[in-house]
Protein backbone atom coordinates (compact mmCIF):
# COMPACT_ATOMS: atom_id res chain seq x y z
CA UNK A 1 282.33 273.72 21.50
CA UNK A 2 278.53 273.71 21.57
CA UNK A 3 278.45 275.56 18.25
CA UNK A 4 280.90 273.08 16.70
CA UNK A 5 278.74 270.16 17.84
CA UNK A 6 275.40 271.74 16.97
CA UNK A 7 276.51 272.54 13.42
CA UNK A 8 278.28 269.17 13.15
CA UNK A 9 281.14 270.78 11.27
CA UNK A 10 283.73 268.29 12.54
CA UNK A 11 282.67 265.94 9.72
CA UNK A 12 283.91 268.57 7.26
CA UNK A 13 287.40 268.27 8.80
CA UNK A 14 288.02 264.53 9.26
CA UNK A 15 291.66 264.88 10.31
CA UNK A 16 291.00 267.59 12.92
CA UNK A 17 289.95 267.43 16.57
CA UNK A 18 287.41 269.57 18.38
CA UNK A 19 290.32 271.41 20.01
CA UNK A 20 291.78 272.15 16.55
CA UNK A 21 288.46 273.56 15.38
CA UNK A 22 288.03 275.62 18.54
CA UNK A 23 291.33 277.42 17.95
CA UNK A 24 290.65 277.77 14.21
CA UNK A 25 287.15 279.08 14.89
CA UNK A 26 288.39 281.71 17.32
CA UNK A 27 291.02 282.87 14.82
CA UNK A 28 288.45 282.96 12.01
CA UNK A 29 286.01 284.97 14.13
CA UNK A 30 288.77 287.46 15.00
CA UNK A 31 289.61 287.96 11.31
CA UNK A 32 285.93 288.39 10.38
CA UNK A 33 285.42 290.94 13.15
CA UNK A 34 288.28 293.08 11.85
CA UNK A 35 287.00 292.80 8.28
CA UNK A 36 283.29 293.33 8.90
CA UNK A 37 282.82 294.71 12.42
CA UNK A 38 282.44 293.51 15.98
CA UNK A 39 279.03 291.83 15.56
CA UNK A 40 280.21 288.49 14.12
CA UNK A 41 278.63 285.58 16.01
CA UNK A 42 280.37 282.26 16.66
CA UNK A 43 277.64 280.53 14.63
CA UNK A 44 278.42 282.77 11.64
CA UNK A 45 282.16 282.23 12.00
CA UNK A 46 281.67 278.46 12.21
CA UNK A 47 279.47 278.38 9.10
CA UNK A 48 282.00 280.52 7.22
CA UNK A 49 284.84 278.22 8.29
CA UNK A 50 283.05 275.10 7.08
CA UNK A 51 282.00 276.73 3.80
CA UNK A 52 285.46 278.00 2.88
CA UNK A 53 287.74 275.25 4.18
CA UNK A 54 285.71 272.14 4.92
CA UNK A 55 285.90 269.20 2.55
CA UNK A 56 285.16 265.49 2.60
CA UNK A 57 288.09 263.05 2.71
CA UNK A 58 289.36 261.94 -0.69
CA UNK A 59 292.58 260.43 -2.09
CA UNK A 60 293.47 263.78 -3.70
CA UNK A 61 293.00 265.62 -0.41
CA UNK A 62 295.15 263.08 1.46
CA UNK A 63 298.01 263.57 -1.03
CA UNK A 64 297.65 267.35 -0.71
CA UNK A 65 297.81 267.14 3.10
CA UNK A 66 300.90 264.93 2.91
CA UNK A 67 302.65 267.49 0.71
CA UNK A 68 301.70 270.27 3.12
CA UNK A 69 303.15 268.28 6.02
CA UNK A 70 306.41 267.85 4.11
CA UNK A 71 306.59 271.63 3.69
CA UNK A 72 306.06 272.09 7.42
CA UNK A 73 308.81 269.57 8.20
CA UNK A 74 311.21 271.44 5.91
CA UNK A 75 310.50 274.66 7.75
CA UNK A 76 311.05 273.01 11.11
CA UNK A 77 314.40 271.63 9.92
CA UNK A 78 315.67 275.13 9.20
CA UNK A 79 314.44 276.29 12.58
CA UNK A 80 316.08 273.35 14.36
CA UNK A 81 319.44 274.46 13.01
CA UNK A 82 318.78 278.05 13.98
CA UNK A 83 317.12 277.53 17.32
CA UNK A 84 319.14 274.74 18.84
CA UNK A 85 316.65 271.91 18.36
CA UNK A 86 317.50 268.24 17.84
CA UNK A 87 319.61 267.74 14.73
CA UNK A 88 319.89 264.79 12.37
CA UNK A 89 323.29 263.30 11.64
CA UNK A 90 323.42 265.06 8.26
CA UNK A 91 323.01 268.41 10.02
CA UNK A 92 326.06 268.12 12.28
CA UNK A 93 328.19 270.21 9.94
CA UNK A 94 325.47 272.84 9.75
CA UNK A 95 325.43 272.93 13.55
CA UNK A 96 329.20 273.38 13.61
CA UNK A 97 328.98 276.24 11.13
CA UNK A 98 326.41 277.92 13.36
CA UNK A 99 328.17 277.15 16.66
CA UNK A 100 329.65 280.61 17.17
CA UNK A 101 326.25 282.29 17.07
CA UNK A 102 323.93 279.60 18.47
CA UNK A 103 324.42 280.64 22.08
CA UNK A 104 323.15 284.14 21.40
CA UNK A 105 320.24 282.71 19.42
CA UNK A 106 318.98 280.15 21.96
CA UNK A 107 319.25 282.35 25.06
CA UNK A 108 316.73 284.97 26.10
CA UNK A 109 317.69 288.34 24.55
CA UNK A 110 319.03 290.86 27.11
CA UNK A 111 316.25 293.31 26.21
CA UNK A 112 313.36 290.84 26.60
CA UNK A 113 310.85 292.59 28.86
CA UNK A 114 310.82 290.82 32.24
CA UNK A 115 309.24 293.50 34.44
CA UNK A 116 305.93 293.58 36.24
CA UNK A 117 305.05 297.25 36.54
CA UNK A 118 304.47 300.23 34.26
CA UNK A 119 307.63 301.85 35.65
CA UNK A 120 309.59 298.72 34.63
CA UNK A 121 308.08 298.98 31.16
CA UNK A 122 309.04 302.64 30.75
CA UNK A 123 312.66 301.92 31.71
CA UNK A 124 312.77 298.92 29.35
CA UNK A 125 311.20 300.88 26.48
CA UNK A 126 313.65 303.76 26.81
CA UNK A 127 316.67 301.45 26.86
CA UNK A 128 315.65 299.32 23.88
CA UNK A 129 314.62 302.35 21.82
CA UNK A 130 318.04 303.91 22.33
CA UNK A 131 319.75 300.67 21.34
CA UNK A 132 317.51 300.17 18.26
CA UNK A 133 318.13 303.73 17.11
CA UNK A 134 321.89 303.06 17.25
CA UNK A 135 321.74 299.63 15.57
CA UNK A 136 319.64 300.97 12.71
CA UNK A 137 321.77 304.11 12.44
CA UNK A 138 318.79 306.44 12.11
CA UNK A 139 320.88 309.57 12.58
CA UNK A 140 321.21 312.34 15.10
CA UNK A 141 319.35 312.09 18.38
CA UNK A 142 317.33 313.74 19.84
CA UNK A 143 315.15 314.09 16.78
CA UNK A 144 314.60 317.62 15.51
CA UNK A 145 311.54 317.85 13.22
CA UNK A 146 311.94 319.83 10.01
CA UNK A 147 309.66 322.79 9.46
CA UNK A 148 308.39 323.97 6.09
CA UNK A 149 311.58 325.94 5.42
CA UNK A 150 313.85 322.91 5.92
CA UNK A 151 311.57 320.45 4.13
CA UNK A 152 311.59 322.70 1.04
CA UNK A 153 308.51 320.95 -0.29
CA UNK A 154 307.99 321.39 -4.03
CA UNK A 155 304.81 320.22 -5.75
CA UNK A 156 305.64 318.92 -9.24
CA UNK A 157 302.10 318.01 -10.29
CA UNK A 158 298.53 317.86 -9.05
CA UNK A 159 296.12 315.48 -10.79
CA UNK A 160 292.48 314.82 -9.94
CA UNK A 161 291.66 311.12 -9.56
CA UNK A 162 287.90 310.76 -9.08
CA UNK A 163 287.16 312.87 -5.99
CA UNK A 164 290.80 312.97 -4.87
CA UNK A 165 293.82 315.12 -5.58
CA UNK A 166 297.03 313.19 -6.24
CA UNK A 167 300.01 315.46 -5.63
CA UNK A 168 303.60 314.58 -6.54
CA UNK A 169 305.76 316.40 -3.99
CA UNK A 170 309.51 316.44 -3.42
CA UNK A 171 310.70 316.71 0.19
CA UNK A 172 314.19 317.38 1.51
CA UNK A 173 314.82 314.66 4.09
CA UNK A 174 318.49 315.63 4.22
CA UNK A 175 320.23 318.78 3.06
CA UNK A 176 321.34 317.18 -0.22
CA UNK A 177 318.53 314.68 -0.77
CA UNK A 178 315.04 315.31 -2.11
CA UNK A 179 312.59 312.40 -1.87
CA UNK A 180 309.39 312.11 -3.99
CA UNK A 181 306.07 311.32 -2.34
CA UNK A 182 302.53 311.00 -3.59
CA UNK A 183 299.95 312.64 -1.34
CA UNK A 184 296.27 311.78 -1.81
CA UNK A 185 293.61 314.02 -0.30
CA UNK A 186 289.93 314.69 -0.95
CA UNK A 187 289.13 317.53 -3.35
CA UNK A 188 286.83 318.93 -0.67
CA UNK A 189 288.07 318.90 2.95
CA UNK A 190 285.95 320.54 5.62
CA UNK A 191 287.86 319.31 8.68
CA UNK A 192 291.24 317.72 9.52
CA UNK A 193 291.35 314.04 8.56
CA UNK A 194 293.36 311.04 9.78
CA UNK A 195 296.43 310.35 7.67
CA UNK A 196 298.27 307.12 6.85
CA UNK A 197 301.88 306.83 5.68
CA UNK A 198 302.14 303.92 3.20
CA UNK A 199 305.63 302.42 2.79
CA UNK A 200 306.13 300.57 -0.53
CA UNK A 201 308.85 298.15 0.62
CA UNK A 202 310.55 296.42 -2.33
CA UNK A 203 308.43 298.43 -4.72
CA UNK A 204 307.68 301.95 -5.86
CA UNK A 205 305.16 304.67 -5.20
CA UNK A 206 303.85 304.09 -8.73
CA UNK A 207 302.56 300.77 -7.37
CA UNK A 208 301.13 302.06 -4.08
CA UNK A 209 299.48 304.92 -5.99
CA UNK A 210 297.74 302.45 -8.30
CA UNK A 211 299.58 303.52 -11.42
CA UNK A 212 301.09 300.04 -11.81
CA UNK A 213 299.64 296.66 -10.81
CA UNK A 214 301.47 294.88 -8.00
CA UNK A 215 301.09 293.04 -4.71
CA UNK A 216 300.83 296.49 -3.09
CA UNK A 217 297.20 296.50 -4.33
CA UNK A 218 297.21 300.30 -4.89
CA UNK A 219 297.02 300.62 -1.10
CA UNK A 220 297.73 304.36 -0.86
CA UNK A 221 294.97 305.10 -3.38
CA UNK A 222 292.45 302.67 -1.86
CA UNK A 223 293.02 303.98 1.68
CA UNK A 224 292.53 307.53 0.40
CA UNK A 225 289.24 306.52 -1.23
CA UNK A 226 288.20 305.18 2.18
CA UNK A 227 288.52 308.66 3.69
CA UNK A 228 292.15 308.99 4.81
CA UNK A 229 294.79 311.43 3.66
CA UNK A 230 297.60 309.15 2.49
CA UNK A 231 301.27 309.80 1.81
CA UNK A 232 303.40 307.17 0.10
CA UNK A 233 307.15 307.73 0.04
CA UNK A 234 309.68 306.51 -2.52
CA UNK A 235 312.40 304.42 -0.90
CA UNK A 236 316.10 304.87 -1.57
CA UNK A 237 317.20 302.42 -4.24
CA UNK A 238 313.81 302.19 -6.00
CA UNK A 239 311.84 304.13 -8.61
CA UNK A 240 312.91 307.77 -8.88
CA UNK A 241 315.63 307.05 -6.31
CA UNK A 242 317.03 304.00 -8.11
CA UNK A 243 320.30 305.55 -9.30
CA UNK A 244 321.99 303.32 -6.71
CA UNK A 245 320.48 299.97 -5.71
CA UNK A 246 319.20 299.53 -2.19
CA UNK A 247 321.68 296.74 -1.36
CA UNK A 248 324.59 298.94 -2.42
CA UNK A 249 323.18 301.75 -0.28
CA UNK A 250 322.83 299.34 2.64
CA UNK A 251 326.38 298.01 2.28
CA UNK A 252 327.86 301.51 2.14
CA UNK A 253 325.72 302.70 5.05
CA UNK A 254 326.98 299.87 7.26
CA UNK A 255 330.53 301.10 6.79
CA UNK A 256 329.63 304.28 8.64
CA UNK A 257 327.39 302.74 11.31
CA UNK A 258 324.09 303.14 9.48
CA UNK A 259 321.74 300.85 7.52
CA UNK A 260 319.29 301.12 4.63
CA UNK A 261 316.40 300.72 7.07
CA UNK A 262 317.84 303.41 9.32
CA UNK A 263 318.04 305.86 6.44
CA UNK A 264 314.44 305.04 5.52
CA UNK A 265 313.20 305.51 9.08
CA UNK A 266 314.78 308.96 8.93
CA UNK A 267 312.99 309.65 5.63
CA UNK A 268 309.72 308.31 7.03
CA UNK A 269 309.94 310.56 10.06
CA UNK A 270 310.55 313.50 7.73
CA UNK A 271 307.41 312.49 5.84
CA UNK A 272 305.53 312.71 9.15
CA UNK A 273 307.12 316.12 9.71
CA UNK A 274 305.58 317.14 6.40
CA UNK A 275 302.14 315.74 7.19
CA UNK A 276 302.09 317.91 10.31
CA UNK A 277 302.44 320.99 8.09
CA UNK A 278 299.28 320.12 6.13
CA UNK A 279 296.05 321.71 7.29
CA UNK A 280 294.06 318.69 6.01
CA UNK A 281 295.76 316.37 8.53
CA UNK A 282 294.76 315.76 12.13
CA UNK A 283 298.14 315.56 13.96
CA UNK A 284 296.67 313.23 16.60
CA UNK A 285 295.54 310.65 14.01
CA UNK A 286 298.54 309.52 11.97
CA UNK A 287 299.02 305.87 11.05
CA UNK A 288 301.52 303.79 9.09
CA UNK A 289 301.36 300.58 7.08
CA UNK A 290 303.12 298.52 4.43
CA UNK A 291 303.81 294.97 3.25
CA UNK A 292 307.08 293.04 3.39
CA UNK A 293 309.91 295.53 3.70
CA UNK A 294 307.18 298.16 3.95
CA UNK A 295 305.86 296.28 6.97
CA UNK A 296 309.36 296.26 8.46
CA UNK A 297 309.66 299.99 7.92
CA UNK A 298 306.26 300.48 9.55
CA UNK A 299 307.44 298.47 12.56
CA UNK A 300 310.70 300.38 12.98
CA UNK A 301 309.14 303.81 12.44
CA UNK A 302 306.27 303.12 14.85
CA UNK A 303 308.71 301.68 17.41
CA UNK A 304 310.82 304.85 17.36
CA UNK A 305 308.29 307.61 16.61
CA UNK A 306 305.21 307.94 18.82
CA UNK A 307 303.60 310.28 16.32
CA UNK A 308 302.54 307.06 14.61
CA UNK A 309 299.35 306.39 16.59
CA UNK A 310 298.14 303.23 14.79
CA UNK A 311 300.04 300.68 12.69
CA UNK A 312 299.29 297.70 10.45
CA UNK A 313 302.26 295.47 9.59
CA UNK A 314 301.52 293.15 6.67
CA UNK A 315 303.71 290.13 5.93
CA UNK A 316 306.72 290.80 8.12
CA UNK A 317 306.45 289.67 11.75
CA UNK A 318 308.62 286.61 12.39
CA UNK A 319 312.04 286.02 13.91
CA UNK A 320 315.30 287.47 12.64
CA UNK A 321 317.19 284.20 12.99
CA UNK A 322 314.65 282.24 10.93
CA UNK A 323 314.37 284.93 8.26
CA UNK A 324 318.12 285.25 7.76
CA UNK A 325 318.47 281.51 6.99
CA UNK A 326 315.90 281.70 4.19
CA UNK A 327 317.90 281.72 0.95
CA UNK A 328 315.22 283.83 -0.75
CA UNK A 329 315.22 286.61 1.82
CA UNK A 330 316.82 289.99 1.19
CA UNK A 331 319.90 290.71 3.36
CA UNK A 332 318.71 294.29 3.87
CA UNK A 333 316.62 292.76 6.69
CA UNK A 334 319.69 291.69 8.67
CA UNK A 335 320.24 294.45 11.24
CA UNK A 336 323.86 294.36 12.45
CA UNK A 337 324.13 293.11 16.02
CA UNK A 338 320.38 292.99 16.66
CA UNK A 339 320.33 289.49 18.23
CA UNK A 340 322.86 290.57 20.83
CA UNK A 341 320.03 292.65 22.28
CA UNK A 342 316.58 291.69 21.00
CA UNK A 343 314.50 289.50 18.69
CA UNK A 344 311.82 290.81 16.39
CA UNK A 345 309.05 290.41 18.96
CA UNK A 346 310.92 292.67 21.37
CA UNK A 347 311.25 295.36 18.70
CA UNK A 348 307.57 295.08 17.76
CA UNK A 349 306.62 295.40 21.44
CA UNK A 350 308.06 298.93 21.44
CA UNK A 351 304.90 300.04 19.64
CA UNK A 352 302.87 299.44 22.83
CA UNK A 353 300.46 300.70 23.98
CA UNK A 354 299.42 302.09 20.57
CA UNK A 355 297.19 299.86 18.41
CA UNK A 356 299.06 297.55 16.02
CA UNK A 357 297.82 294.69 13.85
CA UNK A 358 300.10 292.07 12.29
CA UNK A 359 298.80 290.27 9.18
CA UNK A 360 300.60 287.14 7.98
CA UNK A 361 298.74 285.23 5.26
CA UNK A 362 298.91 281.45 5.54
CA UNK A 363 299.71 281.24 1.81
CA UNK A 364 302.43 283.88 1.99
CA UNK A 365 305.87 282.29 1.43
CA UNK A 366 307.45 285.30 3.14
CA UNK A 367 305.93 284.44 6.53
CA UNK A 368 306.08 281.49 8.92
CA UNK A 369 304.40 280.25 12.08
CA UNK A 370 307.23 281.62 14.26
CA UNK A 371 305.30 284.89 14.07
CA UNK A 372 303.17 283.47 16.88
CA UNK A 373 306.23 283.25 19.14
CA UNK A 374 307.09 286.88 18.45
CA UNK A 375 303.49 287.94 18.89
CA UNK A 376 303.44 286.27 22.31
CA UNK A 377 306.26 288.64 23.34
CA UNK A 378 304.26 291.61 22.04
CA UNK A 379 301.07 290.50 23.75
CA UNK A 380 302.82 290.12 27.11
CA UNK A 381 303.63 293.84 27.13
CA UNK A 382 300.12 294.87 26.05
CA UNK A 383 298.60 292.69 28.78
CA UNK A 384 300.76 294.31 31.45
CA UNK A 385 299.54 297.71 30.27
CA UNK A 386 295.92 296.56 30.25
CA UNK A 387 295.68 297.11 26.48
CA UNK A 388 295.31 293.56 25.12
CA UNK A 389 292.60 294.56 22.63
CA UNK A 390 294.97 296.98 20.93
CA UNK A 391 297.08 294.29 19.31
CA UNK A 392 296.21 291.30 17.15
CA UNK A 393 297.92 288.78 14.89
CA UNK A 394 295.77 287.64 11.96
CA UNK A 395 296.73 284.71 9.73
CA UNK A 396 294.07 284.63 6.98
CA UNK A 397 293.91 281.17 5.44
CA UNK A 398 293.68 282.27 1.80
CA UNK A 399 295.95 285.31 1.86
CA UNK A 400 299.24 285.23 -0.04
CA UNK A 401 301.88 287.94 -0.38
CA UNK A 402 299.47 290.76 -1.19
CA UNK A 403 298.43 293.80 0.82
CA UNK A 404 294.98 293.39 2.41
CA UNK A 405 293.25 296.75 1.92
CA UNK A 406 290.03 295.68 3.61
CA UNK A 407 291.77 294.74 6.83
CA UNK A 408 293.76 297.98 6.76
CA UNK A 409 290.73 300.20 6.22
CA UNK A 410 288.76 298.62 9.04
CA UNK A 411 291.72 298.61 11.43
CA UNK A 412 292.44 302.32 10.97
CA UNK A 413 288.75 303.19 11.10
CA UNK A 414 288.38 301.29 14.37
CA UNK A 415 290.95 303.49 16.09
CA UNK A 416 290.58 306.79 14.22
CA UNK A 417 286.79 307.14 13.99
């Protein structure tokens, strides 16, 4: 508060209070520390906040703020229907249509962690992991990693990109299915390096490898240039595996107790099996990341596979019930029966105590402020374990639906260096 008053930055935000700026300043400092290191002072964060977002009152700004408030009200209306809030008269029919599921939505999920000891946490974690594995339909359990013979890895091409090798490799994730991956590694490797699995989401490995422009921001290539071995895996229904669309795969999978996400978690775990066969990879330093559906796949894989030691989930954390009511969302995200057991925050909490960062840009239409509610569930578990610094939710003010390579690089370096 002293910094806010000394720099007199409240005048740059005429419709905000000191309490508003305190919270905003702390969030801005946290984002800057991840981007640029731990040595960011409050004074620097305050000056940056005023420079980027402060502005004098004007008629144009007042109209803009009014429009923004209307958008927020629209979002809250959807949530009121979903979450049992007060409804307007026009929404009574919507409430009736939702009546059969509202009870499950507004009550605390059965698998919400309520314990107070590490033993309680271990029992809770084991139970929810078993249930999540079944709901996703990941496949046989216990998991049996594939060795080199079963993976049947075949390298189709090796191309030098600057000081990196880009290898196109086909891996058998099932007996009858071969999945293409790009693996980036330095031309010269003198010791095992940390590796990051990059999930494309609703995209292709041509995008994550930087061979096509997209919101993926060539993340597999950029992370490799930062010193990581990276592997980016084609998802069923896209790119080389697009002979059948992902929604058709999902619909068919549900008929036999599986889901598109469950099949992809299986493929992702096979990709980790493969990384463990590579001499360039340090088996104790494997991470995972992705945006959108790639963020979801990162969350599920990290929740179920402890070989993922660090995760960054970009543009996904929210609440299942809010997401499913968005007309623009993809139904592949609707996990059958999930709300009978857990909300998204409970699933994300399964990653504890390993480091995980959630990034939801404030200009990203795919995210909403309910991420804070889910993150509170995650943070509760980390606090119990004494690991609060290992998890963070960042909501960069100017970030839309694009992968943030800078945040990813610094997050993985923080925990792998």
